[in-house]
Amino acid sequence: MRVEVATKMVAAVAYSQWLILNRINRGLILAGKYFEELEVGAVFEHQPHRTITETDNLLFSTMTHNPQPLHIDAEFAKQSQYGQILVNSLFTLGLVIGLSVADTTMGTTIGNLGMEKTEFPNPVFIGDTIRVVTRIVDKRESKTKPDRGIVWFEHIGYNQRDEIVCECLRKGMMIRKSS
């Protein structure tokens, strides 16, 4: 039963993402910012926030072939220092970056160039609600391609207790408005 529900949830999310991408590709949605619109020092407090479910963590861990019992075995996790399942940190990173997309890069990015710093100073548990703040820390025009520029995004994820659970400095290639 759980697998059937999870499969339906994944299908619904995939369909909604396809609808959004289809509208972006047809020029109907362009919520992200172009290179010129991302000013150093700008801060984005993203909506929505997102509560992490057991299904999120289990699906992500199994889809990425991560058998770590701290993520998928409640009885094992009870014996750990936290006494409960720990959410997969790569899911947390993906969620933190994903929650930033609508305000910053949706339809205006060419792709990620890398993560220069990623830290998880506090654990994330099932039931935690994550909110994200992004700050533009630097940017420069491409040295070889005039239709794009590089932007450094600092993403910080907080839980419902305002504890930092994820910090990431991400470098992205952004489309220039004039291209």
Protein backbone atom coordinates (compact mmCIF):
# COMPACT_ATOMS: atom_id res chain seq x y z
CA MET A 1 0.00 0.00 0.00
CA ARG A 2 2.79 2.45 0.93
CA VAL A 3 4.60 1.83 -2.36
CA GLU A 4 1.38 2.42 -4.33
CA VAL A 5 0.74 5.73 -2.54
CA ALA A 6 4.36 6.79 -2.97
CA THR A 7 4.25 5.91 -6.68
CA LYS A 8 1.11 8.03 -7.15
CA MET A 9 2.76 10.92 -5.28
CA VAL A 10 5.88 10.74 -7.46
CA ALA A 11 3.72 10.63 -10.61
CA ALA A 12 1.72 13.67 -9.48
CA VAL A 13 4.87 15.66 -8.72
CA ALA A 14 6.45 14.65 -12.04
CA TYR A 15 3.31 15.71 -13.92
CA SER A 16 3.14 19.09 -12.16
CA GLN A 17 6.83 19.69 -12.90
CA TRP A 18 6.24 18.73 -16.55
CA LEU A 19 3.38 21.25 -16.74
CA ILE A 20 5.60 24.00 -15.35
CA LEU A 21 8.50 23.14 -17.67
CA ASN A 22 6.14 22.99 -20.64
CA ARG A 23 4.88 26.50 -19.83
CA ILE A 24 8.45 27.76 -19.35
CA ASN A 25 9.50 26.30 -22.71
CA ARG A 26 6.58 28.04 -24.41
CA GLY A 27 7.56 31.35 -22.79
CA LEU A 28 4.49 31.46 -20.55
CA ILE A 29 6.40 31.36 -17.23
CA LEU A 30 9.72 33.01 -16.52
CA ALA A 31 9.83 33.55 -12.78
CA GLY A 32 13.60 33.41 -12.43
CA LYS A 33 15.93 36.38 -12.60
CA TYR A 34 18.29 37.11 -15.45
CA PHE A 35 21.99 37.67 -14.73
CA GLU A 36 21.53 41.46 -14.72
CA GLU A 37 18.62 41.26 -12.25
CA LEU A 38 20.62 39.36 -9.60
CA GLU A 39 22.36 42.08 -7.61
CA VAL A 40 25.16 41.27 -5.18
CA GLY A 41 23.74 41.52 -1.67
CA ALA A 42 20.15 40.77 -2.70
CA VAL A 43 18.33 38.50 -0.26
CA PHE A 44 15.40 36.20 -1.07
CA GLU A 45 13.21 34.66 1.64
CA HIS A 46 11.59 31.82 -0.26
CA GLN A 47 8.05 30.49 -0.09
CA PRO A 48 6.76 27.90 0.32
CA HIS A 49 8.38 26.23 3.28
CA ARG A 50 8.35 22.41 3.20
CA THR A 51 7.75 19.76 5.84
CA ILE A 52 9.81 16.61 5.24
CA THR A 53 7.91 13.33 5.32
CA GLU A 54 9.02 9.76 5.90
CA THR A 55 8.13 9.05 2.26
CA ASP A 56 10.42 11.86 1.04
CA ASN A 57 13.37 10.45 2.92
CA LEU A 58 12.70 6.79 2.14
CA LEU A 59 12.15 7.37 -1.59
CA PHE A 60 15.22 9.57 -1.94
CA SER A 61 17.43 7.14 -0.02
CA THR A 62 16.27 4.13 -2.01
CA MET A 63 16.33 5.90 -5.40
CA THR A 64 19.95 6.91 -4.77
CA HIS A 65 20.87 3.39 -3.55
CA ASN A 66 21.83 4.68 -0.11
CA PRO A 67 21.22 1.79 2.35
CA GLN A 68 22.44 3.76 5.39
CA PRO A 69 20.26 2.42 8.24
CA LEU A 70 20.26 5.86 9.91
CA HIS A 71 18.01 6.96 7.02
CA ILE A 72 15.77 3.93 6.46
CA ASP A 73 15.68 1.72 9.57
CA ALA A 74 13.68 3.14 12.50
CA GLU A 75 14.82 0.45 14.93
CA PHE A 76 18.49 0.98 14.07
CA ALA A 77 18.07 4.77 14.26
CA LYS A 78 16.50 4.48 17.75
CA GLN A 79 19.89 3.21 18.96
CA SER A 80 21.78 6.17 17.45
CA GLN A 81 22.74 9.37 19.27
CA TYR A 82 19.61 11.06 17.87
CA GLY A 83 17.18 8.27 18.75
CA GLN A 84 15.30 8.62 15.47
CA ILE A 85 15.71 8.49 11.69
CA LEU A 86 18.05 11.10 10.27
CA VAL A 87 16.96 12.63 6.94
CA ASN A 88 19.41 11.98 4.10
CA SER A 89 21.60 15.09 3.88
CA LEU A 90 21.62 15.07 0.08
CA PHE A 91 17.82 15.23 0.13
CA THR A 92 18.13 18.23 2.45
CA LEU A 93 20.60 19.91 0.06
CA GLY A 94 18.36 19.24 -2.94
CA LEU A 95 15.33 20.60 -1.09
CA VAL A 96 17.15 23.74 0.01
CA ILE A 97 18.27 24.51 -3.53
CA GLY A 98 14.93 23.43 -4.98
CA LEU A 99 12.96 25.80 -2.74
CA SER A 100 15.04 28.68 -4.13
CA VAL A 101 14.36 27.99 -7.82
CA ALA A 102 11.04 29.81 -8.26
CA ASP A 103 12.48 33.14 -7.07
CA THR A 104 15.94 32.95 -8.59
CA THR A 105 16.61 30.62 -11.52
CA MET A 106 13.37 29.18 -12.94
CA GLY A 107 13.71 29.45 -16.70
CA THR A 108 16.79 31.69 -16.56
CA THR A 109 19.61 29.32 -15.66
CA ILE A 110 21.82 27.37 -18.03
CA GLY A 111 22.99 25.08 -15.23
CA ASN A 112 24.95 24.61 -12.04
CA LEU A 113 28.72 24.98 -12.20
CA GLY A 114 29.41 23.60 -8.74
CA MET A 115 29.08 23.79 -5.01
CA GLU A 116 32.01 25.49 -3.33
CA LYS A 117 30.85 24.95 0.23
CA THR A 118 28.17 22.68 1.63
CA GLU A 119 27.67 22.10 5.35
CA PHE A 120 25.02 20.50 7.55
CA PRO A 121 25.53 22.02 11.03
CA ASN A 122 22.37 20.47 12.53
CA PRO A 123 20.46 17.27 11.78
CA VAL A 124 17.14 17.13 9.95
CA PHE A 125 14.42 14.75 11.12
CA ILE A 126 11.18 13.52 9.63
CA GLY A 127 8.53 16.15 10.37
CA ASP A 128 10.94 19.10 10.27
CA THR A 129 9.80 22.08 8.24
CA ILE A 130 12.50 23.71 6.14
CA ARG A 131 12.58 27.34 5.06
CA VAL A 132 15.26 28.83 2.84
CA VAL A 133 16.98 32.19 2.50
CA THR A 134 19.24 32.93 -0.47
CA ARG A 135 21.77 35.73 -0.77
CA ILE A 136 23.61 36.73 -3.93
CA VAL A 137 27.26 36.90 -2.87
CA ASP A 138 29.06 37.55 -6.16
CA LYS A 139 28.66 37.60 -9.91
CA ARG A 140 30.66 38.15 -13.06
CA GLU A 141 30.13 38.13 -16.78
CA SER A 142 31.33 35.10 -18.71
CA LYS A 143 34.81 35.64 -20.13
CA THR A 144 34.07 33.63 -23.28
CA LYS A 145 30.30 33.75 -23.88
CA PRO A 146 28.57 37.14 -23.93
CA ASP A 147 25.06 35.67 -23.57
CA ARG A 148 25.63 34.53 -19.97
CA GLY A 149 27.13 35.26 -16.58
CA ILE A 150 28.13 33.44 -13.41
CA VAL A 151 26.35 34.03 -10.09
CA TRP A 152 27.26 32.75 -6.63
CA PHE A 153 24.19 31.90 -4.54
CA GLU A 154 24.44 31.37 -0.78
CA HIS A 155 21.53 29.15 0.29
CA ILE A 156 20.74 28.71 3.98
CA GLY A 157 18.12 26.21 5.15
CA TYR A 158 16.52 26.57 8.57
CA ASN A 159 14.26 24.21 10.49
CA GLN A 160 11.15 25.25 12.44
CA ARG A 161 13.37 26.06 15.46
CA ASP A 162 15.40 28.52 13.32
CA GLU A 163 18.45 26.26 13.51
CA ILE A 164 20.61 26.22 10.39
CA VAL A 165 20.43 22.74 8.89
CA CYS A 166 22.13 23.37 5.53
CA GLU A 167 24.45 26.00 4.09
CA CYS A 168 25.57 25.92 0.49
CA LEU A 169 27.56 28.25 -1.75
CA ARG A 170 26.45 27.38 -5.29
CA LYS A 171 27.80 28.72 -8.56
CA GLY A 172 25.31 28.96 -11.43
CA MET A 173 25.51 29.95 -15.08
CA MET A 174 22.73 32.46 -15.78
CA ILE A 175 21.22 33.77 -19.02
CA ARG A 176 21.81 37.45 -19.74
CA LYS A 177 18.74 39.52 -20.48
CA SER A 178 20.38 41.13 -23.49
CA SER A 179 21.00 37.76 -25.19
